[in-house]
Amino acid sequence: MDERVIGRSGQRASVVGLGTWQLGADWGDVDEKDALAVLEAAAESGVTFFDTADVYGDGRSEQIIATFTRSRPDLHVLVATKMGRRVDQIPENYVLDNFRAWNDRSRRHLGVDRLDLVQLHCPPTPVYSSGEVFDALDTLVEEERIAAYGVSVETCAEALTAIGRPGVASVQIILNPFRVKPLREVLPAAREAGVGIIARVPLASGLLSGKYTKDTVFAADDHRTYNRHGEAFDQGETFSGVDYTTGVEAAAEFAALAPEGWTPAQLALRWIIDQPGVTTVIPGARNAEQARANAAAAKLPELPAETVTAIRDLYDRRIKGQVENRW
């Protein structure tokens, strides 16, 4: 699979990576055997970038990745994790002593001396403007606890602030055919500054797979049940912030745009890969079949212009009014 450079870090990531939130928690139950099968299928399909966080299953996702990487020393996989969501979300908690403690925990879970890439995990907005925060991250690099750092953001404004920081290697942001605002300013600014873009929530929490209907019921411990209106964390993380009924209807239109032989999910992933400035896209997978199908999007041809236009028209008609003014 093609790889791209993760901004200023010089590290490389496969154009399709693997998001592992679902292997930890919040997507219904995924047992360890199935989780390891997902990691194996992704790696065998050419994926060289796994994205996780210390809060996914309170470290379960990191530990499962460590189990896998120990079993496959022949593979080169870059593992990015995140920190910051295990404490009250106030700027005062984003200090060096806490960073070191969080970093120590993730290094233990992942079984490494130095983490490849650490991202602030959607912290309070003032954190992005704090020189002390980024000085602390620089210290972690100097202490060889981490090789590079980036940020995960909720809004385009936060992304633009972070891109202005000289040490930021990457910005992780929600980007998919139902969330296109980053294309206007964030991706061009990142390209200019040499910052990598990690596209998350690429399938709008599964909406863009075309598998769901208005009658679909998700498990009680699935964020698509308990966070539809932002009850637990930012609403934009669930269905990209789109009302579920609207999303299902729009997803049916989207699925009809898929070229023959493509799944709707592959259409969404290929659309993201084609965007100038994107380094990697990180779909999740609950089973090995999904992981292999997602990775296969990297081998598909670029989308024809008429399909790109139709996707943008769908967004403008059905989705834009719900999301543009919030994120």
Protein backbone atom coordinates (compact mmCIF):
# COMPACT_ATOMS: atom_id res chain seq x y z
CA MET A 1 0.00 0.00 0.00
CA ASP A 2 1.19 3.54 -0.72
CA GLU A 3 2.59 5.46 2.22
CA ARG A 4 2.74 9.20 2.86
CA VAL A 5 4.93 11.25 5.18
CA ILE A 6 3.32 12.38 8.43
CA GLY A 7 4.20 16.03 8.18
CA ARG A 8 7.21 17.33 10.05
CA SER A 9 7.82 14.00 11.80
CA GLY A 10 9.34 12.36 8.74
CA GLN A 11 7.49 9.19 9.70
CA ARG A 12 5.43 7.35 7.13
CA ALA A 13 1.90 5.95 7.27
CA SER A 14 -0.13 3.84 4.88
CA VAL A 15 -2.78 5.91 3.12
CA VAL A 16 -5.40 3.72 4.81
CA GLY A 17 -4.66 3.18 8.48
CA LEU A 18 -6.71 1.56 11.20
CA GLY A 19 -8.63 3.34 13.94
CA THR A 20 -8.91 1.16 17.06
CA TRP A 21 -11.48 2.94 19.23
CA GLN A 22 -13.88 0.08 18.59
CA LEU A 23 -11.35 -2.46 19.89
CA GLY A 24 -11.39 -0.78 23.28
CA ALA A 25 -14.94 0.34 24.02
CA ASP A 26 -17.98 2.39 22.99
CA TRP A 27 -18.92 0.35 19.90
CA GLY A 28 -20.48 -2.67 21.53
CA ASP A 29 -18.50 -5.74 22.56
CA VAL A 30 -15.47 -6.84 20.53
CA ASP A 31 -13.64 -9.74 22.18
CA GLU A 32 -9.86 -9.99 22.15
CA LYS A 33 -9.75 -12.79 19.58
CA ASP A 34 -11.78 -10.74 17.11
CA ALA A 35 -9.75 -7.62 17.88
CA LEU A 36 -6.47 -9.41 17.14
CA ALA A 37 -7.98 -10.76 13.91
CA VAL A 38 -8.80 -7.19 12.86
CA LEU A 39 -5.20 -6.08 13.48
CA GLU A 40 -3.83 -9.09 11.60
CA ALA A 41 -6.12 -8.55 8.60
CA ALA A 42 -5.23 -4.87 8.43
CA ALA A 43 -1.49 -5.51 8.61
CA GLU A 44 -1.66 -8.28 6.02
CA SER A 45 -3.53 -5.86 3.74
CA GLY A 46 -0.68 -3.35 3.89
CA VAL A 47 -1.81 -1.11 6.76
CA THR A 48 1.21 0.31 8.60
CA PHE A 49 -0.53 2.87 10.84
CA PHE A 50 -2.64 2.08 13.91
CA ASP A 51 -4.36 4.89 15.81
CA THR A 52 -5.41 4.40 19.43
CA ALA A 53 -5.82 6.34 22.69
CA ASP A 54 -5.23 5.80 26.39
CA VAL A 55 -8.95 6.21 27.02
CA TYR A 56 -10.17 3.55 24.57
CA GLY A 57 -11.37 0.92 27.01
CA ASP A 58 -9.20 2.65 29.64
CA GLY A 59 -6.11 1.28 27.92
CA ARG A 60 -7.55 -1.97 26.53
CA SER A 61 -7.01 -0.90 22.92
CA GLU A 62 -3.36 -0.06 23.57
CA GLN A 63 -2.82 -3.39 25.32
CA ILE A 64 -4.40 -5.38 22.49
CA ILE A 65 -2.16 -3.61 19.98
CA ALA A 66 0.86 -4.50 22.14
CA THR A 67 -0.19 -8.14 22.20
CA PHE A 68 -0.39 -8.10 18.42
CA THR A 69 2.90 -6.30 17.78
CA ARG A 70 4.75 -8.64 20.15
CA SER A 71 3.41 -11.58 18.17
CA ARG A 72 4.47 -10.09 14.84
CA PRO A 73 7.98 -8.62 15.25
CA ASP A 74 8.45 -8.99 11.50
CA LEU A 75 5.94 -6.21 10.81
CA HIS A 76 6.64 -2.50 10.84
CA VAL A 77 3.60 -0.69 12.19
CA LEU A 78 3.63 2.89 13.43
CA VAL A 79 1.36 3.27 16.45
CA ALA A 80 -0.11 6.66 17.31
CA THR A 81 -1.85 7.12 20.64
CA LYS A 82 -3.60 10.01 22.37
CA MET A 83 -3.68 11.46 25.85
CA GLY A 84 -5.71 13.88 27.93
CA ARG A 85 -9.24 12.52 28.18
CA ARG A 86 -8.84 10.56 31.39
CA VAL A 87 -9.10 13.67 33.58
CA ASP A 88 -11.45 16.62 33.98
CA GLN A 89 -11.38 18.67 30.80
CA ILE A 90 -9.88 21.88 32.13
CA PRO A 91 -6.76 23.54 30.71
CA GLU A 92 -5.01 23.35 34.08
CA ASN A 93 -4.67 19.57 33.69
CA TYR A 94 -2.57 19.90 30.54
CA VAL A 95 0.82 20.24 32.25
CA LEU A 96 4.17 18.46 32.00
CA ASP A 97 3.81 16.34 35.15
CA ASN A 98 0.51 14.93 33.89
CA PHE A 99 1.95 14.44 30.41
CA ARG A 100 4.77 12.35 31.86
CA ALA A 101 2.37 10.24 33.92
CA TRP A 102 0.05 9.66 30.97
CA ASN A 103 3.03 8.92 28.76
CA ASP A 104 4.42 6.38 31.22
CA ARG A 105 1.09 4.57 31.29
CA SER A 106 0.80 4.39 27.49
CA ARG A 107 4.39 3.21 27.13
CA ARG A 108 3.69 0.40 29.61
CA HIS A 109 0.50 -0.57 27.81
CA LEU A 110 2.14 -0.54 24.39
CA GLY A 111 5.34 -2.17 25.64
CA VAL A 112 7.72 0.43 24.22
CA ASP A 113 10.33 2.84 25.54
CA ARG A 114 9.37 5.61 23.12
CA LEU A 115 5.98 6.26 21.56
CA ASP A 116 5.93 6.90 17.82
CA LEU A 117 3.35 9.68 17.82
CA VAL A 118 1.35 11.15 20.70
CA GLN A 119 -1.66 13.39 20.11
CA LEU A 120 -3.50 15.65 22.51
CA HIS A 121 -6.97 14.13 22.55
CA CYS A 122 -9.43 16.91 21.70
CA PRO A 123 -8.46 19.08 24.70
CA PRO A 124 -10.28 22.25 25.78
CA THR A 125 -9.93 24.94 23.13
CA PRO A 126 -7.62 27.23 25.18
CA VAL A 127 -5.01 24.45 25.30
CA TYR A 128 -4.17 24.98 21.62
CA SER A 129 -3.12 28.57 22.37
CA SER A 130 -0.90 27.71 25.35
CA GLY A 131 2.83 28.02 24.78
CA GLU A 132 3.47 26.11 28.00
CA VAL A 133 1.57 23.09 26.67
CA PHE A 134 3.67 22.85 23.55
CA ASP A 135 6.87 23.50 25.49
CA ALA A 136 5.91 20.49 27.62
CA LEU A 137 5.39 18.37 24.52
CA ASP A 138 8.79 19.47 23.24
CA THR A 139 10.24 18.30 26.55
CA LEU A 140 8.77 14.84 26.02
CA VAL A 141 10.56 14.70 22.66
CA GLU A 142 13.81 15.87 24.25
CA GLU A 143 13.47 13.20 26.93
CA GLU A 144 12.97 10.60 24.16
CA ARG A 145 9.64 9.54 25.59
CA ILE A 146 7.97 10.31 22.26
CA ALA A 147 9.29 10.59 18.72
CA ALA A 148 6.75 13.21 17.60
CA TYR A 149 3.50 14.84 18.65
CA GLY A 150 0.31 16.13 17.14
CA VAL A 151 -3.22 17.07 18.09
CA SER A 152 -6.69 15.70 17.59
CA VAL A 153 -9.26 18.46 17.18
CA GLU A 154 -12.99 18.99 17.05
CA THR A 155 -13.11 22.22 15.04
CA CYS A 156 -11.42 23.77 12.06
CA ALA A 157 -10.47 26.78 14.18
CA GLU A 158 -8.61 24.53 16.63
CA ALA A 159 -6.81 22.86 13.74
CA LEU A 160 -5.63 26.17 12.31
CA THR A 161 -4.31 27.26 15.71
CA ALA A 162 -2.39 24.00 16.12
CA ILE A 163 -0.93 24.14 12.62
CA GLY A 164 0.77 27.40 13.59
CA ARG A 165 2.81 25.60 16.28
CA PRO A 166 6.27 24.70 14.88
CA GLY A 167 6.53 21.35 16.65
CA VAL A 168 3.16 19.94 15.62
CA ALA A 169 3.67 17.04 13.22
CA SER A 170 0.04 16.15 12.58
CA VAL A 171 -3.56 17.19 13.02
CA GLN A 172 -6.28 14.59 13.35
CA ILE A 173 -9.65 15.91 12.25
CA ILE A 174 -13.06 14.59 11.24
CA LEU A 175 -13.18 14.51 7.45
CA ASN A 176 -15.62 12.61 5.29
CA PRO A 177 -18.24 13.32 2.58
CA PHE A 178 -20.59 14.51 5.35
CA ARG A 179 -17.94 16.81 6.88
CA VAL A 180 -16.14 18.76 4.16
CA LYS A 181 -15.42 22.12 5.79
CA PRO A 182 -11.73 21.20 6.51
CA LEU A 183 -11.08 21.15 2.75
CA ARG A 184 -11.40 24.92 2.49
CA GLU A 185 -8.83 26.12 5.02
CA VAL A 186 -7.38 23.35 7.17
CA LEU A 187 -5.91 21.10 4.49
CA PRO A 188 -4.36 23.97 2.49
CA ALA A 189 -2.84 25.44 5.69
CA ALA A 190 -1.47 22.04 6.69
CA ARG A 191 0.12 21.52 3.28
CA GLU A 192 1.73 24.95 3.45
CA ALA A 193 3.12 24.31 6.94
CA GLY A 194 4.20 20.72 6.31
CA VAL A 195 1.74 19.24 8.81
CA GLY A 196 0.21 15.81 8.30
CA ILE A 197 -3.55 15.28 8.25
CA ILE A 198 -5.07 12.17 9.84
CA ALA A 199 -8.69 11.87 8.74
CA ARG A 200 -10.89 10.30 11.39
CA VAL A 201 -14.58 9.28 11.54
CA PRO A 202 -14.30 8.65 7.78
CA LEU A 203 -17.55 6.69 7.57
CA ALA A 204 -19.56 9.03 9.83
CA SER A 205 -19.81 6.33 12.51
CA GLY A 206 -20.92 3.81 9.90
CA LEU A 207 -23.59 5.90 8.19
CA LEU A 208 -21.57 6.02 4.98
CA SER A 209 -21.35 2.24 4.87
CA GLY A 210 -24.99 2.26 3.75
CA LYS A 211 -25.84 -0.58 6.14
CA TYR A 212 -28.16 1.24 8.52
CA THR A 213 -31.84 2.12 8.36
CA LYS A 214 -34.06 4.29 10.51
CA ASP A 215 -34.98 1.13 12.44
CA THR A 216 -31.40 0.03 13.23
CA VAL A 217 -30.86 -0.43 16.97
CA PHE A 218 -27.36 -0.10 18.44
CA ALA A 219 -26.22 -1.63 21.72
CA ALA A 220 -26.70 0.36 24.91
CA ASP A 221 -22.90 0.62 25.36
CA ASP A 222 -22.42 1.89 21.79
CA HIS A 223 -21.85 5.66 21.51
CA ARG A 224 -24.28 5.68 18.59
CA THR A 225 -26.95 5.06 21.22
CA TYR A 226 -25.80 7.14 24.17
CA ASN A 227 -24.10 10.10 22.48
CA ARG A 228 -26.42 11.01 19.61
CA HIS A 229 -26.98 14.47 21.06
CA GLY A 230 -23.58 14.94 22.70
CA GLU A 231 -24.58 13.55 26.08
CA ALA A 232 -21.16 12.00 26.79
CA PHE A 233 -18.70 13.91 24.58
CA ASP A 234 -18.71 16.15 21.51
CA GLN A 235 -21.72 15.35 19.34
CA GLY A 236 -19.59 15.64 16.24
CA GLU A 237 -17.89 12.35 17.08
CA THR A 238 -21.16 10.45 16.57
CA PHE A 239 -22.53 10.35 13.01
CA SER A 240 -20.30 13.40 12.35
CA GLY A 241 -22.90 15.48 14.18
CA VAL A 242 -25.62 14.75 11.63
CA ASP A 243 -29.14 13.96 12.82
CA TYR A 244 -29.55 10.20 12.45
CA THR A 245 -32.70 10.26 10.34
CA THR A 246 -31.23 12.81 7.96
CA GLY A 247 -27.99 10.85 7.89
CA VAL A 248 -29.66 7.58 6.93
CA GLU A 249 -31.58 9.23 4.11
CA ALA A 250 -28.48 11.02 2.80
CA ALA A 251 -26.42 7.83 3.13
CA ALA A 252 -28.85 6.02 0.84
CA GLU A 253 -28.27 8.69 -1.81
CA PHE A 254 -24.54 8.44 -1.24
CA ALA A 255 -24.55 4.66 -1.65
CA ALA A 256 -26.19 5.03 -5.06
CA LEU A 257 -23.12 6.99 -6.24
CA ALA A 258 -20.72 4.08 -5.69
CA PRO A 259 -19.16 2.81 -8.95
CA GLU A 260 -19.90 -0.77 -9.90
CA GLY A 261 -17.99 -3.19 -7.70
CA TRP A 262 -17.35 -0.63 -4.96
CA THR A 263 -18.94 -0.60 -1.54
CA PRO A 264 -20.28 2.72 -0.21
CA ALA A 265 -17.59 2.60 2.49
CA GLN A 266 -14.87 2.28 -0.15
CA LEU A 267 -16.35 5.24 -2.01
CA ALA A 268 -16.11 7.35 1.16
CA LEU A 269 -12.55 6.24 1.88
CA ARG A 270 -11.39 6.82 -1.71
CA TRP A 271 -12.95 10.30 -1.64
CA ILE A 272 -10.86 11.11 1.44
CA ILE A 273 -7.64 9.60 0.07
CA ASP A 274 -8.01 11.77 -3.04
CA GLN A 275 -8.09 15.03 -1.06
CA PRO A 276 -4.78 16.95 -1.40
CA GLY A 277 -3.06 17.13 1.97
CA VAL A 278 -4.51 13.99 3.54
CA THR A 279 -1.79 11.73 4.95
CA THR A 280 -3.87 8.80 6.12
CA VAL A 281 -7.49 7.90 6.79
CA ILE A 282 -8.27 5.73 9.81
CA PRO A 283 -11.49 3.73 9.50
CA GLY A 284 -12.32 1.34 12.29
CA ALA A 285 -13.31 -2.28 11.80
CA ARG A 286 -15.16 -4.76 13.98
CA ASN A 287 -14.03 -7.84 12.06
CA ALA A 288 -11.31 -8.96 9.69
CA GLU A 289 -13.54 -8.76 6.62
CA GLN A 290 -14.22 -5.06 7.25
CA ALA A 291 -10.52 -4.38 7.79
CA ARG A 292 -9.60 -5.98 4.47
CA ALA A 293 -12.37 -4.18 2.58
CA ASN A 294 -11.32 -0.82 4.01
CA ALA A 295 -7.69 -1.39 3.06
CA ALA A 296 -8.74 -2.30 -0.48
CA ALA A 297 -9.91 1.30 -1.00
CA ALA A 298 -6.27 2.29 -1.34
CA LYS A 299 -6.01 0.31 -4.59
CA LEU A 300 -9.09 1.80 -6.23
CA PRO A 301 -8.73 4.50 -8.91
CA GLU A 302 -9.34 8.16 -8.28
CA LEU A 303 -12.96 9.15 -8.44
CA PRO A 304 -14.30 10.62 -11.68
CA ALA A 305 -15.13 14.31 -11.60
CA GLU A 306 -18.86 13.74 -11.97
CA THR A 307 -18.92 11.56 -8.85
CA VAL A 308 -17.00 14.15 -6.85
CA THR A 309 -19.48 16.80 -7.97
CA ALA A 310 -22.46 14.63 -7.03
CA ILE A 311 -21.02 14.00 -3.55
CA ARG A 312 -20.55 17.70 -2.98
CA ASP A 313 -24.09 18.43 -4.19
CA LEU A 314 -25.46 15.86 -1.73
CA TYR A 315 -23.53 17.50 1.10
CA ASP A 316 -24.73 20.96 0.19
CA ARG A 317 -28.37 19.85 -0.03
CA ARG A 318 -28.68 17.52 2.94
CA ILE A 319 -25.81 17.97 5.42
CA LYS A 320 -24.15 21.40 5.28
CA GLY A 321 -26.80 23.24 7.29
CA GLN A 322 -26.38 20.85 10.24
CA VAL A 323 -22.60 20.86 10.61
CA GLU A 324 -20.85 23.84 9.03
CA ASN A 325 -21.64 26.36 11.74
CA ARG A 326 -20.53 24.08 14.60
CA TRP A 327 -17.24 22.49 13.59
